[in-house]
N, C-alpha and C. Protein backbone atom coordinates (compact mmCIF):
# COMPACT_ATOMS: atom_id res chain seq x y z
N MET A 1 15.15 0.46 34.56
CA MET A 1 15.02 -0.09 33.52
C MET A 1 15.74 0.37 32.13
N ARG A 2 16.34 -0.68 31.50
CA ARG A 2 17.19 -0.29 30.41
C ARG A 2 16.05 0.16 29.08
N PRO A 3 16.85 1.19 28.32
CA PRO A 3 16.20 1.60 27.15
C PRO A 3 15.37 0.80 26.33
N LYS A 4 16.21 -0.57 25.97
CA LYS A 4 15.81 -1.59 25.29
C LYS A 4 14.46 -2.25 25.56
N THR A 5 14.22 -2.41 26.85
CA THR A 5 13.05 -3.01 27.47
C THR A 5 11.89 -1.89 27.47
N VAL A 6 12.05 -0.96 27.61
CA VAL A 6 11.25 0.04 27.83
C VAL A 6 10.76 0.40 26.24
N PHE A 7 11.39 0.52 25.33
CA PHE A 7 11.10 0.62 24.06
C PHE A 7 10.23 -0.59 23.36
N SER A 8 10.58 -1.74 23.96
CA SER A 8 10.13 -3.22 23.78
C SER A 8 8.33 -3.14 24.12
N ILE A 9 8.69 -2.79 25.48
CA ILE A 9 7.31 -2.70 26.03
C ILE A 9 6.27 -1.60 25.13
N GLY A 10 6.73 -0.49 25.19
CA GLY A 10 6.14 0.49 24.33
C GLY A 10 5.75 0.16 22.76
N LEU A 11 6.76 -0.46 22.47
CA LEU A 11 6.10 -0.87 20.85
C LEU A 11 4.84 -1.99 21.10
N PHE A 12 5.19 -3.12 22.06
CA PHE A 12 3.98 -4.01 22.01
C PHE A 12 2.66 -3.26 22.73
N ILE A 13 2.63 -2.56 23.22
CA ILE A 13 1.70 -1.76 23.82
C ILE A 13 1.12 -0.81 22.72
N ALA A 14 1.91 -0.53 21.66
CA ALA A 14 1.26 0.24 20.90
C ALA A 14 0.61 -0.28 19.66
N LEU A 15 1.18 -1.79 19.38
CA LEU A 15 0.70 -2.59 18.47
C LEU A 15 -0.48 -3.06 18.80
N VAL A 16 -0.76 -3.64 20.19
CA VAL A 16 -2.20 -4.12 20.56
C VAL A 16 -2.93 -2.77 20.60
N PHE A 17 -2.73 -1.74 21.11
CA PHE A 17 -3.70 -0.49 20.82
C PHE A 17 -4.16 -0.47 19.20
N VAL A 18 -3.26 -0.13 18.19
CA VAL A 18 -3.96 0.07 17.05
C VAL A 18 -4.27 -1.34 16.39
N GLY A 19 -3.95 -2.36 16.88
CA GLY A 19 -4.06 -3.80 16.30
C GLY A 19 -5.34 -4.43 16.78
N PHE A 20 -6.12 -4.17 18.20
CA PHE A 20 -6.99 -4.73 18.66
C PHE A 20 -8.09 -4.03 19.63
N GLY A 21 -7.24 -2.89 19.61
CA GLY A 21 -7.91 -1.67 20.72
C GLY A 21 -9.30 -1.43 20.84
N ASP A 22 -9.84 -1.33 19.36
CA ASP A 22 -11.36 -1.17 19.45
C ASP A 22 -12.39 -2.44 19.73
N SER A 23 -11.73 -3.41 20.06
CA SER A 23 -12.74 -4.80 20.39
C SER A 23 -12.55 -4.56 22.29
N PHE A 24 -11.82 -4.30 22.95
CA PHE A 24 -11.86 -4.13 24.26
C PHE A 24 -11.71 -3.02 25.10
N LEU A 25 -11.29 -1.72 24.45
CA LEU A 25 -11.21 -0.75 25.00
C LEU A 25 -12.62 0.35 25.05
N PRO A 26 -12.90 0.77 26.05
CA PRO A 26 -13.95 1.66 26.11
C PRO A 26 -13.99 2.87 25.08
N ASP A 27 -15.15 3.50 24.90
CA ASP A 27 -15.28 4.00 23.56
C ASP A 27 -14.49 5.08 23.03
N PRO A 28 -14.19 6.09 24.04
CA PRO A 28 -13.10 6.99 23.50
C PRO A 28 -11.77 6.38 22.93
N LEU A 29 -11.41 5.78 23.65
CA LEU A 29 -10.31 4.95 23.48
C LEU A 29 -10.10 3.91 22.17
N GLY A 30 -11.29 3.53 21.92
CA GLY A 30 -11.53 2.42 21.17
C GLY A 30 -11.68 2.85 19.77
N SER A 31 -12.36 3.98 20.02
CA SER A 31 -12.57 4.59 18.35
C SER A 31 -11.31 5.15 18.12
N ALA A 32 -10.51 5.91 18.84
CA ALA A 32 -9.17 6.22 18.73
C ALA A 32 -8.09 5.20 18.01
N SER A 33 -8.32 4.09 18.57
CA SER A 33 -7.74 2.79 17.94
C SER A 33 -8.06 2.37 16.63
N ALA A 34 -9.44 2.51 16.64
CA ALA A 34 -9.96 2.22 15.06
C ALA A 34 -9.48 3.38 14.23
N ASN A 35 -9.84 4.98 14.45
CA ASN A 35 -9.24 5.87 13.62
C ASN A 35 -7.73 5.90 13.25
N THR A 36 -6.74 5.58 14.64
CA THR A 36 -5.47 5.42 14.16
C THR A 36 -5.37 4.24 13.04
N ARG A 37 -5.51 3.15 13.14
CA ARG A 37 -5.60 2.08 12.25
C ARG A 37 -5.69 2.37 10.79
N THR A 38 -7.09 3.00 10.85
CA THR A 38 -7.53 3.40 9.58
C THR A 38 -6.61 4.53 8.80
N GLN A 39 -5.90 5.51 9.38
CA GLN A 39 -4.94 6.55 9.16
C GLN A 39 -3.88 5.60 8.76
N ILE A 40 -3.22 4.96 9.60
CA ILE A 40 -2.00 3.87 9.13
C ILE A 40 -2.26 3.22 7.82
N ASN A 41 -3.60 2.47 7.68
CA ASN A 41 -3.72 1.76 6.35
C ASN A 41 -3.83 2.40 5.22
N GLU A 42 -4.62 3.91 5.20
CA GLU A 42 -4.63 4.91 3.92
C GLU A 42 -3.08 5.35 3.78
N PHE A 43 -2.13 5.41 4.81
CA PHE A 43 -0.94 6.09 4.60
C PHE A 43 -0.05 5.44 3.80
N ILE A 44 -0.29 3.96 4.01
CA ILE A 44 0.60 2.68 3.54
C ILE A 44 -0.03 2.67 1.98
N VAL A 45 -1.59 2.77 1.57
CA VAL A 45 -1.91 2.51 0.55
C VAL A 45 -1.52 3.64 -0.18
N GLY A 46 -1.39 4.63 0.15
CA GLY A 46 -1.06 5.72 -0.43
C GLY A 46 0.21 5.84 -0.89
N LEU A 47 1.37 5.20 -0.62
CA LEU A 47 2.47 4.99 -0.80
C LEU A 47 2.79 4.58 -2.30
N PHE A 48 1.93 3.46 -2.46
CA PHE A 48 2.06 2.82 -3.66
C PHE A 48 0.89 3.30 -4.80
N PRO A 49 1.16 4.52 -5.46
CA PRO A 49 0.06 4.83 -6.60
C PRO A 49 -0.39 3.91 -7.45
N TYR A 50 -1.83 4.00 -7.71
CA TYR A 50 -2.64 2.95 -8.55
C TYR A 50 -2.45 3.33 -10.09
N THR A 51 -2.07 2.53 -11.09
CA THR A 51 -1.88 2.55 -12.24
C THR A 51 -2.90 1.76 -13.15
N GLU A 52 -3.52 2.22 -14.18
CA GLU A 52 -4.18 1.66 -14.79
C GLU A 52 -3.81 0.18 -15.63
N PRO A 53 -3.84 -0.80 -15.48
CA PRO A 53 -3.32 -1.96 -15.95
C PRO A 53 -3.58 -1.68 -17.82
N LEU A 54 -2.71 -2.20 -18.26
CA LEU A 54 -2.79 -1.90 -19.87
C LEU A 54 -3.69 -2.79 -20.47
N ASP A 55 -4.43 -2.81 -21.41
CA ASP A 55 -5.47 -3.69 -22.13
C ASP A 55 -4.53 -4.75 -22.81
N ASN A 56 -3.72 -4.14 -23.63
CA ASN A 56 -2.91 -5.10 -24.62
C ASN A 56 -1.27 -4.37 -24.62
N PRO A 57 -0.60 -4.73 -23.73
CA PRO A 57 1.01 -4.01 -23.38
C PRO A 57 1.70 -4.23 -24.74
N SER A 58 1.51 -5.51 -25.76
CA SER A 58 2.38 -5.29 -26.93
C SER A 58 1.44 -4.76 -28.29
N LYS A 59 0.71 -4.26 -27.88
CA LYS A 59 -0.09 -3.39 -28.85
C LYS A 59 0.77 -2.55 -29.72
N ARG A 60 1.48 -1.67 -28.85
CA ARG A 60 2.45 -0.71 -29.54
C ARG A 60 3.91 -1.21 -30.21
N THR A 61 4.27 -2.35 -29.60
CA THR A 61 5.12 -2.90 -30.33
C THR A 61 4.59 -3.69 -31.49
N GLU A 62 3.68 -4.18 -31.50
CA GLU A 62 3.18 -4.86 -32.72
C GLU A 62 2.96 -4.10 -34.20
N GLY A 63 2.49 -2.69 -33.64
CA GLY A 63 2.26 -1.71 -34.63
C GLY A 63 3.62 -1.16 -35.13
N GLU A 64 4.44 -0.98 -34.19
CA GLU A 64 6.13 -0.74 -34.79
C GLU A 64 6.48 -1.85 -35.69
N ILE A 65 6.13 -3.10 -35.40
CA ILE A 65 6.68 -3.95 -36.36
C ILE A 65 6.00 -4.37 -37.28
N GLU A 66 5.06 -3.78 -37.52
CA GLU A 66 3.83 -3.85 -38.73
C GLU A 66 4.49 -2.52 -39.56
N LYS A 67 4.70 -1.42 -38.93
CA LYS A 67 5.23 -0.29 -39.92
C LYS A 67 6.81 -0.58 -40.66
N MET A 68 7.33 -1.37 -39.81
CA MET A 68 8.80 -1.63 -40.40
C MET A 68 8.55 -2.86 -41.48
N ARG A 69 7.76 -3.78 -41.19
CA ARG A 69 7.20 -4.78 -42.34
C ARG A 69 6.80 -3.97 -43.85
N ARG A 70 6.34 -3.14 -43.48
CA ARG A 70 5.48 -2.47 -44.44
C ARG A 70 6.39 -1.45 -45.20
N GLY A 71 7.26 -0.68 -44.40
CA GLY A 71 8.66 0.14 -45.01
C GLY A 71 9.43 -0.86 -45.89
N ASN A 72 9.88 -2.05 -45.10
CA ASN A 72 10.92 -2.82 -45.77
C ASN A 72 10.36 -3.59 -47.45
N SER A 73 9.05 -3.84 -47.33
CA SER A 73 8.34 -4.58 -48.39
C SER A 73 8.21 -3.48 -49.39
N GLY A 74 8.34 -2.32 -49.35
CA GLY A 74 8.21 -1.73 -50.45
C GLY A 74 9.78 -1.03 -51.21
N ASN A 75 10.64 -1.63 -50.54
CA ASN A 75 11.92 -1.51 -51.25
C ASN A 75 12.39 -2.44 -52.43
C-alpha cells in the first residue's frame, strides 16, 4: 500500500474513534474515546486565553479628552 493511502485510512479511523467511538465501542474503548475527545477540547480551548470584556472601552479615552479640555480652558 502507498503511504498516502495508509495515512488517509489511519486519519479516518482516528477521526471516527475520537468523534463517535463512545457511542458504539465497548466500555474500555468507548470511555477512552470520550476521554480523548475531552482532552482535545480542553487543549484547543486552552490555546485561547480568556480575557475579561471591558465594561466601557472608551472610558479612558473620554477621561483623557476631558483632562485636555480642562487644561486648555484655563489658558
